[in-house]
């Protein structure tokens, strides 16, 4: 998948995650802020990288602001942002 545009998904509400994606020419650049960073930061990053791999995304800048989202919400928000950035939805 090629990231063509800047796109967002999610909110900054409690139990959600805000995802901003944009094109990048030099690999995957991931920036994560989370209220549960110490407990779940590695798991959140692992989940995001799994979704990027599933969609075959090689070049992307992705910023995440987590407010305690569960894994299925993280996956859904990242997928939505990717599809919006590609122009699918």
PDB file of N, CA and C in Angstrom:
ATOM      1  N   UNK A   1       0.836  -1.172   0.000  1.00  0.00           N
ATOM      2  CA  UNK A   1       0.000   0.000   0.000  1.00  0.00           C
ATOM      3  C   UNK A   1       0.884   1.238   0.000  1.00  0.00           C
ATOM      4  N   UNK A   2       0.496   2.204  -0.793  1.00  0.00           N
ATOM      5  CA  UNK A   2       1.227   3.466  -0.850  1.00  0.00           C
ATOM      6  C   UNK A   2       0.418   4.547  -0.151  1.00  0.00           C
ATOM      7  N   UNK A   3       1.054   5.235   0.769  1.00  0.00           N
ATOM      8  CA  UNK A   3       0.413   6.332   1.477  1.00  0.00           C
ATOM      9  C   UNK A   3       0.526   7.567   0.593  1.00  0.00           C
ATOM     10  N   UNK A   4      -0.619   8.038   0.094  1.00  0.00           N
ATOM     11  CA  UNK A   4      -0.625   9.151  -0.854  1.00  0.00           C
ATOM     12  C   UNK A   4      -0.933  10.491  -0.210  1.00  0.00           C
ATOM     13  N   UNK A   5      -1.728  10.465   0.864  1.00  0.00           N
ATOM     14  CA  UNK A   5      -2.193  11.694   1.491  1.00  0.00           C
ATOM     15  C   UNK A   5      -2.044  11.623   3.003  1.00  0.00           C
ATOM     16  N   UNK A   6      -2.160  12.769   3.615  1.00  0.00           N
ATOM     17  CA  UNK A   6      -2.235  12.848   5.066  1.00  0.00           C
ATOM     18  C   UNK A   6      -3.654  12.437   5.460  1.00  0.00           C
ATOM     19  N   UNK A   7      -3.784  11.641   6.529  1.00  0.00           N
ATOM     20  CA  UNK A   7      -5.107  11.217   6.975  1.00  0.00           C
ATOM     21  C   UNK A   7      -5.111  10.978   8.475  1.00  0.00           C
ATOM     22  N   UNK A   8      -6.292  11.074   9.077  1.00  0.00           N
ATOM     23  CA  UNK A   8      -6.444  10.856  10.508  1.00  0.00           C
ATOM     24  C   UNK A   8      -7.601   9.905  10.778  1.00  0.00           C
ATOM     25  N   UNK A   9      -7.562   9.319  11.968  1.00  0.00           N
ATOM     26  CA  UNK A   9      -8.668   8.495  12.463  1.00  0.00           C
ATOM     27  C   UNK A   9      -8.615   8.546  13.981  1.00  0.00           C
ATOM     28  N   UNK A  10      -9.763   8.393  14.616  1.00  0.00           N
ATOM     29  CA  UNK A  10      -9.816   8.364  16.063  1.00  0.00           C
ATOM     30  C   UNK A  10      -9.999   9.727  16.687  1.00  0.00           C
ATOM     31  N   UNK A  11     -10.031   9.717  18.024  1.00  0.00           N
ATOM     32  CA  UNK A  11     -10.228  10.938  18.792  1.00  0.00           C
ATOM     33  C   UNK A  11      -9.262  10.953  19.973  1.00  0.00           C
ATOM     34  N   UNK A  12      -9.312  12.026  20.716  1.00  0.00           N
ATOM     35  CA  UNK A  12      -8.508  12.133  21.928  1.00  0.00           C
ATOM     36  C   UNK A  12      -9.347  11.846  23.169  1.00  0.00           C
ATOM     37  N   UNK A  13     -10.504  11.223  22.960  1.00  0.00           N
ATOM     38  CA  UNK A  13     -11.370  10.854  24.082  1.00  0.00           C
ATOM     39  C   UNK A  13     -10.749   9.698  24.857  1.00  0.00           C
ATOM     40  N   UNK A  14     -11.191   9.521  26.080  1.00  0.00           N
ATOM     41  CA  UNK A  14     -10.727   8.416  26.900  1.00  0.00           C
ATOM     42  C   UNK A  14     -11.039   7.081  26.224  1.00  0.00           C
ATOM     43  N   UNK A  15     -10.147   6.133  26.324  1.00  0.00           N
ATOM     44  CA  UNK A  15     -10.273   4.786  25.746  1.00  0.00           C
ATOM     45  C   UNK A  15     -10.241   4.773  24.227  1.00  0.00           C
ATOM     46  N   UNK A  16      -9.666   5.805  23.612  1.00  0.00           N
ATOM     47  CA  UNK A  16      -9.536   5.852  22.152  1.00  0.00           C
ATOM     48  C   UNK A  16      -8.087   6.181  21.815  1.00  0.00           C
ATOM     49  N   UNK A  17      -7.800   6.199  20.534  1.00  0.00           N
ATOM     50  CA  UNK A  17      -6.464   6.555  20.057  1.00  0.00           C
ATOM     51  C   UNK A  17      -6.610   7.430  18.824  1.00  0.00           C
ATOM     52  N   UNK A  18      -5.822   8.478  18.747  1.00  0.00           N
ATOM     53  CA  UNK A  18      -5.799   9.382  17.606  1.00  0.00           C
ATOM     54  C   UNK A  18      -4.608   8.981  16.748  1.00  0.00           C
ATOM     55  N   UNK A  19      -4.867   8.753  15.466  1.00  0.00           N
ATOM     56  CA  UNK A  19      -3.836   8.294  14.539  1.00  0.00           C
ATOM     57  C   UNK A  19      -3.717   9.284  13.381  1.00  0.00           C
ATOM     58  N   UNK A  20      -2.507   9.760  13.144  1.00  0.00           N
ATOM     59  CA  UNK A  20      -2.212  10.644  12.022  1.00  0.00           C
ATOM     60  C   UNK A  20      -1.160   9.964  11.163  1.00  0.00           C
ATOM     61  N   UNK A  21      -1.470   9.776   9.882  1.00  0.00           N
ATOM     62  CA  UNK A  21      -0.502   9.178   8.965  1.00  0.00           C
ATOM     63  C   UNK A  21      -0.230  10.143   7.821  1.00  0.00           C
ATOM     64  N   UNK A  22       0.982  10.074   7.304  1.00  0.00           N
ATOM     65  CA  UNK A  22       1.346  10.880   6.143  1.00  0.00           C
ATOM     66  C   UNK A  22       2.478  10.201   5.391  1.00  0.00           C
ATOM     67  N   UNK A  23       2.642  10.572   4.116  1.00  0.00           N
ATOM     68  CA  UNK A  23       3.704   9.955   3.321  1.00  0.00           C
ATOM     69  C   UNK A  23       5.084  10.207   3.924  1.00  0.00           C
ATOM     70  N   UNK A  24       5.973   9.263   3.701  1.00  0.00           N
ATOM     71  CA  UNK A  24       7.356   9.368   4.152  1.00  0.00           C
ATOM     72  C   UNK A  24       8.212   8.649   3.126  1.00  0.00           C
ATOM     73  N   UNK A  25       9.374   9.178   2.843  1.00  0.00           N
ATOM     74  CA  UNK A  25      10.231   8.566   1.831  1.00  0.00           C
ATOM     75  C   UNK A  25      11.297   7.652   2.409  1.00  0.00           C
ATOM     76  N   UNK A  26      11.417   7.623   3.728  1.00  0.00           N
ATOM     77  CA  UNK A  26      12.536   6.876   4.307  1.00  0.00           C
ATOM     78  C   UNK A  26      12.082   5.872   5.371  1.00  0.00           C
ATOM     79  N   UNK A  27      11.241   4.940   4.990  1.00  0.00           N
ATOM     80  CA  UNK A  27      10.846   3.881   5.903  1.00  0.00           C
ATOM     81  C   UNK A  27       9.694   4.244   6.816  1.00  0.00           C
ATOM     82  N   UNK A  28       9.615   3.522   7.916  1.00  0.00           N
ATOM     83  CA  UNK A  28       8.547   3.713   8.886  1.00  0.00           C
ATOM     84  C   UNK A  28       9.056   4.577  10.035  1.00  0.00           C
ATOM     85  N   UNK A  29       8.393   5.696  10.236  1.00  0.00           N
ATOM     86  CA  UNK A  29       8.733   6.610  11.323  1.00  0.00           C
ATOM     87  C   UNK A  29       7.522   6.661  12.256  1.00  0.00           C
ATOM     88  N   UNK A  30       7.652   6.047  13.423  1.00  0.00           N
ATOM     89  CA  UNK A  30       6.541   5.904  14.350  1.00  0.00           C
ATOM     90  C   UNK A  30       6.785   6.736  15.606  1.00  0.00           C
ATOM     91  N   UNK A  31       5.784   7.541  15.965  1.00  0.00           N
ATOM     92  CA  UNK A  31       5.862   8.361  17.170  1.00  0.00           C
ATOM     93  C   UNK A  31       4.637   8.062  18.016  1.00  0.00           C
ATOM     94  N   UNK A  32       4.850   7.621  19.257  1.00  0.00           N
ATOM     95  CA  UNK A  32       3.763   7.206  20.135  1.00  0.00           C
ATOM     96  C   UNK A  32       3.777   7.975  21.445  1.00  0.00           C
ATOM     97  N   UNK A  33       2.613   8.532  21.791  1.00  0.00           N
ATOM     98  CA  UNK A  33       2.379   9.115  23.106  1.00  0.00           C
ATOM     99  C   UNK A  33       1.236   8.323  23.710  1.00  0.00           C
ATOM    100  N   UNK A  34       1.362   7.931  24.962  1.00  0.00           N
ATOM    101  CA  UNK A  34       0.302   7.143  25.591  1.00  0.00           C
ATOM    102  C   UNK A  34       0.254   7.392  27.087  1.00  0.00           C
ATOM    103  N   UNK A  35      -0.967   7.395  27.627  1.00  0.00           N
ATOM    104  CA  UNK A  35      -1.114   7.544  29.077  1.00  0.00           C
ATOM    105  C   UNK A  35      -0.732   6.245  29.789  1.00  0.00           C
ATOM    106  N   UNK A  36      -0.591   5.172  29.030  1.00  0.00           N
ATOM    107  CA  UNK A  36      -0.196   3.877  29.603  1.00  0.00           C
ATOM    108  C   UNK A  36       1.109   3.384  28.964  1.00  0.00           C
ATOM    109  N   UNK A  37       1.976   4.328  28.627  1.00  0.00           N
ATOM    110  CA  UNK A  37       3.224   4.005  27.931  1.00  0.00           C
ATOM    111  C   UNK A  37       4.074   2.995  28.699  1.00  0.00           C
ATOM    112  N   UNK A  38       4.233   3.186  29.997  1.00  0.00           N
ATOM    113  CA  UNK A  38       5.083   2.277  30.778  1.00  0.00           C
ATOM    114  C   UNK A  38       4.549   0.852  30.784  1.00  0.00           C
ATOM    115  N   UNK A  39       3.237   0.700  30.854  1.00  0.00           N
ATOM    116  CA  UNK A  39       2.654  -0.636  30.921  1.00  0.00           C
ATOM    117  C   UNK A  39       2.476  -1.283  29.545  1.00  0.00           C
ATOM    118  N   UNK A  40       2.041  -0.501  28.546  1.00  0.00           N
ATOM    119  CA  UNK A  40       1.633  -1.098  27.284  1.00  0.00           C
ATOM    120  C   UNK A  40       2.271  -0.503  26.034  1.00  0.00           C
ATOM    121  N   UNK A  41       3.246   0.378  26.194  1.00  0.00           N
ATOM    122  CA  UNK A  41       3.860   1.027  25.036  1.00  0.00           C
ATOM    123  C   UNK A  41       4.401   0.053  24.003  1.00  0.00           C
ATOM    124  N   UNK A  42       5.116  -0.972  24.454  1.00  0.00           N
ATOM    125  CA  UNK A  42       5.691  -1.950  23.518  1.00  0.00           C
ATOM    126  C   UNK A  42       4.593  -2.722  22.791  1.00  0.00           C
ATOM    127  N   UNK A  43       3.529  -3.096  23.504  1.00  0.00           N
ATOM    128  CA  UNK A  43       2.421  -3.833  22.879  1.00  0.00           C
ATOM    129  C   UNK A  43       1.682  -2.976  21.857  1.00  0.00           C
ATOM    130  N   UNK A  44       1.500  -1.703  22.174  1.00  0.00           N
ATOM    131  CA  UNK A  44       0.832  -0.802  21.227  1.00  0.00           C
ATOM    132  C   UNK A  44       1.661  -0.692  19.960  1.00  0.00           C
ATOM    133  N   UNK A  45       2.961  -0.466  20.119  1.00  0.00           N
ATOM    134  CA  UNK A  45       3.836  -0.343  18.946  1.00  0.00           C
ATOM    135  C   UNK A  45       3.850  -1.646  18.145  1.00  0.00           C
ATOM    136  N   UNK A  46       3.879  -2.779  18.821  1.00  0.00           N
ATOM    137  CA  UNK A  46       3.848  -4.075  18.134  1.00  0.00           C
ATOM    138  C   UNK A  46       2.565  -4.221  17.315  1.00  0.00           C
ATOM    139  N   UNK A  47       1.443  -3.852  17.888  1.00  0.00           N
ATOM    140  CA  UNK A  47       0.156  -3.940  17.187  1.00  0.00           C
ATOM    141  C   UNK A  47       0.149  -3.045  15.955  1.00  0.00           C
ATOM    142  N   UNK A  48       0.630  -1.820  16.096  1.00  0.00           N
ATOM    143  CA  UNK A  48       0.670  -0.884  14.970  1.00  0.00           C
ATOM    144  C   UNK A  48       1.563  -1.427  13.863  1.00  0.00           C
ATOM    145  N   UNK A  49       2.723  -1.939  14.213  1.00  0.00           N
ATOM    146  CA  UNK A  49       3.640  -2.485  13.205  1.00  0.00           C
ATOM    147  C   UNK A  49       3.060  -3.725  12.520  1.00  0.00           C
ATOM    148  N   UNK A  50       2.286  -4.522  13.243  1.00  0.00           N
ATOM    149  CA  UNK A  50       1.613  -5.676  12.635  1.00  0.00           C
ATOM    150  C   UNK A  50       0.621  -5.219  11.571  1.00  0.00           C
ATOM    151  N   UNK A  51      -0.158  -4.190  11.880  1.00  0.00           N
ATOM    152  CA  UNK A  51      -1.133  -3.673  10.907  1.00  0.00           C
ATOM    153  C   UNK A  51      -0.408  -3.114   9.689  1.00  0.00           C
ATOM    154  N   UNK A  52       0.664  -2.376   9.911  1.00  0.00           N
ATOM    155  CA  UNK A  52       1.434  -1.835   8.781  1.00  0.00           C
ATOM    156  C   UNK A  52       1.963  -2.966   7.912  1.00  0.00           C
ATOM    157  N   UNK A  53       2.424  -4.038   8.527  1.00  0.00           N
ATOM    158  CA  UNK A  53       2.923  -5.195   7.793  1.00  0.00           C
ATOM    159  C   UNK A  53       1.806  -5.878   7.007  1.00  0.00           C
ATOM    160  N   UNK A  54       0.647  -6.040   7.625  1.00  0.00           N
ATOM    161  CA  UNK A  54      -0.498  -6.671   6.952  1.00  0.00           C
ATOM    162  C   UNK A  54      -0.907  -5.899   5.704  1.00  0.00           C
ATOM    163  N   UNK A  55      -0.777  -4.571   5.743  1.00  0.00           N
ATOM    164  CA  UNK A  55      -1.132  -3.726   4.606  1.00  0.00           C
ATOM    165  C   UNK A  55       0.072  -3.439   3.704  1.00  0.00           C
ATOM    166  N   UNK A  56       1.205  -4.067   4.006  1.00  0.00           N
ATOM    167  CA  UNK A  56       2.420  -3.923   3.212  1.00  0.00           C
ATOM    168  C   UNK A  56       2.841  -2.455   3.070  1.00  0.00           C
ATOM    169  N   UNK A  57       2.805  -1.731   4.172  1.00  0.00           N
ATOM    170  CA  UNK A  57       3.218  -0.331   4.193  1.00  0.00           C
ATOM    171  C   UNK A  57       4.699  -0.280   4.538  1.00  0.00           C
ATOM    172  N   UNK A  58       5.484   0.299   3.653  1.00  0.00           N
ATOM    173  CA  UNK A  58       6.930   0.362   3.843  1.00  0.00           C
ATOM    174  C   UNK A  58       7.432   1.754   4.180  1.00  0.00           C
ATOM    175  N   UNK A  59       6.708   2.778   3.725  1.00  0.00           N
ATOM    176  CA  UNK A  59       7.118   4.163   3.937  1.00  0.00           C
ATOM    177  C   UNK A  59       5.946   4.953   4.502  1.00  0.00           C
ATOM    178  N   UNK A  60       6.098   5.373   5.747  1.00  0.00           N
ATOM    179  CA  UNK A  60       5.010   6.100   6.403  1.00  0.00           C
ATOM    180  C   UNK A  60       5.538   6.851   7.615  1.00  0.00           C
ATOM    181  N   UNK A  61       4.932   7.982   7.875  1.00  0.00           N
ATOM    182  CA  UNK A  61       5.142   8.686   9.137  1.00  0.00           C
ATOM    183  C   UNK A  61       3.819   8.550   9.879  1.00  0.00           C
ATOM    184  N   UNK A  62       3.851   7.962  11.057  1.00  0.00           N
ATOM    185  CA  UNK A  62       2.627   7.715  11.808  1.00  0.00           C
ATOM    186  C   UNK A  62       2.784   8.221  13.235  1.00  0.00           C
ATOM    187  N   UNK A  63       1.849   9.071  13.625  1.00  0.00           N
ATOM    188  CA  UNK A  63       1.839   9.632  14.973  1.00  0.00           C
ATOM    189  C   UNK A  63       0.604   9.108  15.695  1.00  0.00           C
ATOM    190  N   UNK A  64       0.796   8.630  16.916  1.00  0.00           N
ATOM    191  CA  UNK A  64      -0.300   8.056  17.688  1.00  0.00           C
ATOM    192  C   UNK A  64      -0.372   8.736  19.046  1.00  0.00           C
ATOM    193  N   UNK A  65      -1.586   9.108  19.426  1.00  0.00           N
ATOM    194  CA  UNK A  65      -1.822   9.678  20.760  1.00  0.00           C
ATOM    195  C   UNK A  65      -2.873   8.795  21.417  1.00  0.00           C
ATOM    196  N   UNK A  66      -2.411   7.922  22.283  1.00  0.00           N
ATOM    197  CA  UNK A  66      -3.267   6.914  22.910  1.00  0.00           C
ATOM    198  C   UNK A  66      -3.818   7.402  24.241  1.00  0.00           C
ATOM    199  N   UNK A  67      -5.093   7.123  24.452  1.00  0.00           N
ATOM    200  CA  UNK A  67      -5.757   7.458  25.709  1.00  0.00           C
ATOM    201  C   UNK A  67      -6.327   6.198  26.355  1.00  0.00           C
ATOM    202  N   UNK A  68      -5.597   5.078  26.207  1.00  0.00           N
ATOM    203  CA  UNK A  68      -6.020   3.836  26.852  1.00  0.00           C
ATOM    204  C   UNK A  68      -6.874   2.943  25.972  1.00  0.00           C
ATOM    205  N   UNK A  69      -6.681   3.005  24.658  1.00  0.00           N
ATOM    206  CA  UNK A  69      -7.461   2.189  23.729  1.00  0.00           C
ATOM    207  C   UNK A  69      -7.080   0.716  23.829  1.00  0.00           C
ATOM    208  N   UNK A  70      -8.059  -0.157  23.631  1.00  0.00           N
ATOM    209  CA  UNK A  70      -7.798  -1.596  23.590  1.00  0.00           C
ATOM    210  C   UNK A  70      -7.272  -1.970  22.206  1.00  0.00           C
ATOM    211  N   UNK A  71      -6.716  -3.172  22.093  1.00  0.00           N
ATOM    212  CA  UNK A  71      -6.055  -3.582  20.851  1.00  0.00           C
ATOM    213  C   UNK A  71      -6.958  -3.492  19.626  1.00  0.00           C
ATOM    214  N   UNK A  72      -8.206  -3.935  19.733  1.00  0.00           N
ATOM    215  CA  UNK A  72      -9.085  -3.914  18.556  1.00  0.00           C
ATOM    216  C   UNK A  72      -9.356  -2.479  18.101  1.00  0.00           C
ATOM    217  N   UNK A  73      -9.424  -1.537  19.026  1.00  0.00           N
ATOM    218  CA  UNK A  73      -9.620  -0.134  18.666  1.00  0.00           C
ATOM    219  C   UNK A  73      -8.370   0.421  17.982  1.00  0.00           C
ATOM    220  N   UNK A  74      -7.204   0.043  18.483  1.00  0.00           N
ATOM    221  CA  UNK A  74      -5.951   0.487  17.872  1.00  0.00           C
ATOM    222  C   UNK A  74      -5.871  -0.014  16.430  1.00  0.00           C
ATOM    223  N   UNK A  75      -6.150  -1.310  16.234  1.00  0.00           N
ATOM    224  CA  UNK A  75      -6.125  -1.882  14.891  1.00  0.00           C
ATOM    225  C   UNK A  75      -7.112  -1.169  13.965  1.00  0.00           C
ATOM    226  N   UNK A  76      -8.321  -0.945  14.447  1.00  0.00           N
ATOM    227  CA  UNK A  76      -9.358  -0.317  13.621  1.00  0.00           C
ATOM    228  C   UNK A  76      -8.975   1.107  13.236  1.00  0.00           C
ATOM    229  N   UNK A  77      -8.441   1.862  14.175  1.00  0.00           N
ATOM    230  CA  UNK A  77      -8.062   3.256  13.884  1.00  0.00           C
ATOM    231  C   UNK A  77      -6.897   3.321  12.897  1.00  0.00           C
ATOM    232  N   UNK A  78      -5.902   2.454  13.064  1.00  0.00           N
ATOM    233  CA  UNK A  78      -4.767   2.453  12.139  1.00  0.00           C
ATOM    234  C   UNK A  78      -5.230   2.038  10.741  1.00  0.00           C
ATOM    235  N   UNK A  79      -6.034   0.992  10.647  1.00  0.00           N
ATOM    236  CA  UNK A  79      -6.551   0.548   9.343  1.00  0.00           C
ATOM    237  C   UNK A  79      -7.344   1.656   8.657  1.00  0.00           C
ATOM    238  N   UNK A  80      -8.197   2.328   9.401  1.00  0.00           N
ATOM    239  CA  UNK A  80      -9.008   3.407   8.831  1.00  0.00           C
ATOM    240  C   UNK A  80      -8.127   4.536   8.314  1.00  0.00           C
ATOM    241  N   UNK A  81      -7.143   4.943   9.104  1.00  0.00           N
ATOM    242  CA  UNK A  81      -6.233   6.007   8.667  1.00  0.00           C
ATOM    243  C   UNK A  81      -5.478   5.597   7.402  1.00  0.00           C
ATOM    244  N   UNK A  82      -5.034   4.337   7.346  1.00  0.00           N
ATOM    245  CA  UNK A  82      -4.313   3.862   6.157  1.00  0.00           C
ATOM    246  C   UNK A  82      -5.205   3.902   4.918  1.00  0.00           C
ATOM    247  N   UNK A  83      -6.426   3.423   5.051  1.00  0.00           N
ATOM    248  CA  UNK A  83      -7.349   3.425   3.912  1.00  0.00           C
ATOM    249  C   UNK A  83      -7.694   4.842   3.465  1.00  0.00           C
ATOM    250  N   UNK A  84      -7.849   5.737   4.408  1.00  0.00           N
ATOM    251  CA  UNK A  84      -8.113   7.133   4.056  1.00  0.00           C
ATOM    252  C   UNK A  84      -6.902   7.742   3.342  1.00  0.00           C
ATOM    253  N   UNK A  85      -5.701   7.418   3.798  1.00  0.00           N
ATOM    254  CA  UNK A  85      -4.481   7.963   3.202  1.00  0.00           C
ATOM    255  C   UNK A  85      -4.255   7.439   1.795  1.00  0.00           C
ATOM    256  N   UNK A  86      -4.734   6.237   1.543  1.00  0.00           N
ATOM    257  CA  UNK A  86      -4.600   5.663   0.198  1.00  0.00           C
ATOM    258  C   UNK A  86      -5.710   6.156  -0.716  1.00  0.00           C
ATOM    259  N   UNK A  87      -6.762   6.696  -0.149  1.00  0.00           N
ATOM    260  CA  UNK A  87      -7.867   7.192  -0.950  1.00  0.00           C
ATOM    261  C   UNK A  87      -8.984   6.175  -1.137  1.00  0.00           C
ATOM    262  N   UNK A  88      -8.964   5.072  -0.356  1.00  0.00           N
ATOM    263  CA  UNK A  88      -9.987   4.025  -0.477  1.00  0.00           C
ATOM    264  C   UNK A  88     -11.293   4.490   0.137  1.00  0.00           C
ATOM    265  N   UNK A  89     -11.226   5.153   1.302  1.00  0.00           N
ATOM    266  CA  UNK A  89     -12.448   5.671   1.948  1.00  0.00           C
ATOM    267  C   UNK A  89     -12.284   7.130   2.323  1.00  0.00           C
TER     268      UNK A  89
END
